[in-house]
Amino acid sequence: MNKINLKSSNENLEHRIELLTLLFNKAEEKVKHADTFRQKNMNYSLVTFGALITLGLKFNDINYRLIISGTLFVLMVIFCLWDRRWHKTKHGWDYSGQVYYQKMEELVNDPTKDISFKSYYEEGEKTAERFKFQPSVFYFLIVASVISFYLFNAKCILP
């Protein structure tokens, strides 16, 4: 991302503070937006998982069960990757908001100082944890989708 420079002058101090406040508020909105999409993604994945497991248990033909297990695995991987992307985006915007806040503090403390910043800080994406609760649920769903094939086979063998 390109660096944005706000040159110091007494006339545009209010404008610089207003711009940084606007950027901070937008970053907070993006964090909330990403959190909302992550929660929706979790809900959709759990409903899809439950529906496909239920459907797989109703069929007796191994070919149908294989198709359902494969579909379940692919969908859970897609949901997991989608969650990872939104998780990284959330952390990126959260970090960007922190930087904007720091820049506002610098501007208030020293109005004559030039301020430079980016519109988005990709460095924040690196702080997204891989093994917190929500990503772990997706990993569990992927493993469970693989196990579902063996569960479906066992149901065919057992009376």
Protein backbone atom coordinates (compact mmCIF):
# COMPACT_ATOMS: atom_id res chain seq x y z
CA MET A 1 0.00 0.00 0.00
CA ASN A 2 1.11 3.53 -0.66
CA LYS A 3 2.13 5.77 2.19
CA ILE A 4 -0.07 8.79 2.74
CA ASN A 5 1.65 11.91 4.07
CA LEU A 6 -0.15 14.67 5.91
CA LYS A 7 2.04 17.75 5.93
CA SER A 8 1.88 20.00 8.94
CA SER A 9 0.37 23.44 8.78
CA ASN A 10 -1.81 25.41 11.14
CA GLU A 11 -4.67 25.72 8.64
CA ASN A 12 -5.28 22.04 8.12
CA LEU A 13 -4.85 20.67 11.66
CA GLU A 14 -8.60 20.19 12.04
CA HIS A 15 -8.77 18.53 8.64
CA ARG A 16 -5.93 16.12 9.52
CA ILE A 17 -7.59 15.14 12.80
CA GLU A 18 -10.91 14.68 11.00
CA LEU A 19 -9.28 12.46 8.37
CA LEU A 20 -7.57 10.24 10.93
CA THR A 21 -10.79 9.99 12.95
CA LEU A 22 -12.67 8.96 9.81
CA LEU A 23 -10.05 6.32 9.00
CA PHE A 24 -10.15 5.02 12.58
CA ASN A 25 -13.96 4.74 12.47
CA LYS A 26 -13.84 2.98 9.09
CA ALA A 27 -11.31 0.49 10.46
CA GLU A 28 -13.59 -0.24 13.41
CA GLU A 29 -16.51 -0.81 11.01
CA LYS A 30 -14.40 -3.20 8.94
CA VAL A 31 -13.48 -5.19 12.07
CA LYS A 32 -17.17 -5.51 12.98
CA HIS A 33 -18.01 -6.45 9.39
CA ALA A 34 -15.34 -9.18 9.35
CA ASP A 35 -16.53 -10.54 12.71
CA THR A 36 -20.11 -10.68 11.43
CA PHE A 37 -19.08 -12.59 8.31
CA ARG A 38 -16.98 -15.01 10.37
CA GLN A 39 -19.98 -15.76 12.59
CA LYS A 40 -22.26 -16.28 9.59
CA ASN A 41 -19.64 -18.56 8.04
CA MET A 42 -19.52 -20.61 11.25
CA ASN A 43 -23.31 -20.90 11.35
CA TYR A 44 -23.53 -21.97 7.70
CA SER A 45 -20.77 -24.55 8.12
CA LEU A 46 -22.42 -26.13 11.17
CA VAL A 47 -25.83 -26.29 9.49
CA THR A 48 -24.30 -27.71 6.31
CA PHE A 49 -22.33 -30.29 8.29
CA GLY A 50 -25.38 -31.41 10.23
CA ALA A 51 -27.56 -31.56 7.13
CA LEU A 52 -25.08 -33.59 5.09
CA ILE A 53 -24.36 -36.02 7.95
CA THR A 54 -28.10 -36.54 8.40
CA LEU A 55 -28.54 -37.05 4.66
CA GLY A 56 -25.63 -39.49 4.55
CA LEU A 57 -27.09 -41.59 7.33
CA LYS A 58 -30.38 -41.94 5.44
CA PHE A 59 -28.78 -43.54 2.35
CA ASN A 60 -27.83 -47.19 2.22
CA ASP A 61 -25.92 -47.09 -1.07
CA ILE A 62 -22.18 -46.69 -0.54
CA ASN A 63 -21.81 -44.59 -3.71
CA TYR A 64 -24.19 -41.94 -2.40
CA ARG A 65 -22.39 -41.91 0.92
CA LEU A 66 -19.04 -41.51 -0.82
CA ILE A 67 -20.40 -38.53 -2.76
CA ILE A 68 -21.85 -37.00 0.39
CA SER A 69 -18.61 -37.51 2.34
CA GLY A 70 -16.56 -35.99 -0.49
CA THR A 71 -18.93 -33.05 -0.75
CA LEU A 72 -18.84 -32.60 3.01
CA PHE A 73 -15.03 -32.60 3.03
CA VAL A 74 -14.77 -30.07 0.18
CA LEU A 75 -17.34 -27.75 1.72
CA MET A 76 -15.68 -27.85 5.15
CA VAL A 77 -12.29 -27.01 3.58
CA ILE A 78 -13.91 -24.09 1.72
CA PHE A 79 -15.57 -22.85 4.91
CA CYS A 80 -12.25 -23.16 6.77
CA LEU A 81 -10.34 -21.19 4.12
CA TRP A 82 -13.08 -18.56 4.03
CA ASP A 83 -12.90 -18.20 7.82
CA ARG A 84 -9.11 -17.89 7.66
CA ARG A 85 -9.38 -15.09 5.11
CA TRP A 86 -11.91 -13.15 7.21
CA HIS A 87 -9.84 -13.78 10.35
CA LYS A 88 -6.75 -12.29 8.72
CA THR A 89 -8.76 -9.35 7.38
CA LYS A 90 -10.16 -8.65 10.83
CA HIS A 91 -6.70 -8.59 12.36
CA GLY A 92 -5.40 -6.39 9.55
CA TRP A 93 -8.12 -3.79 10.10
CA ASP A 94 -7.75 -4.04 13.86
CA TYR A 95 -4.04 -3.28 13.56
CA SER A 96 -4.77 -0.46 11.10
CA GLY A 97 -7.20 1.08 13.59
CA GLN A 98 -4.56 0.94 16.31
CA VAL A 99 -2.06 2.71 14.05
CA TYR A 100 -4.61 5.42 13.17
CA TYR A 101 -5.25 5.96 16.86
CA GLN A 102 -1.53 6.27 17.54
CA LYS A 103 -1.22 8.75 14.68
CA MET A 104 -4.06 10.82 16.16
CA GLU A 105 -2.24 10.86 19.49
CA GLU A 106 0.95 12.01 17.77
CA LEU A 107 -0.96 14.71 15.92
CA VAL A 108 -2.62 16.02 19.08
CA ASN A 109 0.64 15.96 21.05
CA ASP A 110 2.68 17.62 18.29
CA PRO A 111 0.52 19.42 15.68
CA THR A 112 3.60 20.59 13.75
CA LYS A 113 4.74 17.03 13.00
CA ASP A 114 4.16 15.49 9.57
CA ILE A 115 2.10 12.31 9.75
CA SER A 116 2.53 9.42 7.34
CA PHE A 117 0.45 6.25 7.30
CA LYS A 118 -1.04 3.61 5.02
CA SER A 119 -4.68 3.11 4.22
CA TYR A 120 -4.36 -0.55 5.32
CA TYR A 121 -1.61 -2.33 7.24
CA GLU A 122 -1.10 -5.88 6.00
CA GLU A 123 1.33 -6.51 8.86
CA GLY A 124 -1.67 -6.92 11.14
CA GLU A 125 -2.78 -10.01 9.23
CA LYS A 126 0.27 -11.87 10.53
CA THR A 127 -1.12 -11.68 14.08
CA ALA A 128 -4.12 -13.87 13.20
CA GLU A 129 -3.85 -17.02 15.32
CA ARG A 130 -4.34 -20.40 13.71
CA PHE A 131 -5.35 -22.37 16.79
CA LYS A 132 -7.94 -20.28 18.60
CA PHE A 133 -11.47 -21.57 19.22
CA GLN A 134 -13.17 -20.76 15.93
CA PRO A 135 -10.40 -21.99 13.60
CA SER A 136 -10.14 -25.15 15.72
CA VAL A 137 -13.84 -25.82 15.19
CA PHE A 138 -13.28 -25.72 11.44
CA TYR A 139 -10.31 -28.11 11.73
CA PHE A 140 -12.51 -30.45 13.73
CA LEU A 141 -15.23 -30.27 11.04
CA ILE A 142 -12.68 -31.18 8.36
CA VAL A 143 -11.47 -34.19 10.36
CA ALA A 144 -15.08 -35.18 11.13
CA SER A 145 -15.95 -35.02 7.43
CA VAL A 146 -13.13 -37.47 6.68
CA ILE A 147 -14.28 -39.73 9.51
CA SER A 148 -17.84 -39.56 8.16
CA PHE A 149 -16.88 -41.83 5.27
CA TYR A 150 -15.80 -44.53 7.72
CA LEU A 151 -18.91 -43.92 9.80
CA PHE A 152 -21.09 -44.37 6.73
CA ASN A 153 -19.20 -47.58 5.78
CA ALA A 154 -19.62 -48.97 9.27
CA LYS A 155 -23.35 -48.32 9.07
CA CYS A 156 -23.52 -50.29 5.82
CA ILE A 157 -21.71 -53.25 7.37
CA LEU A 158 -23.61 -53.26 10.65
CA PRO A 159 -27.21 -54.51 10.57
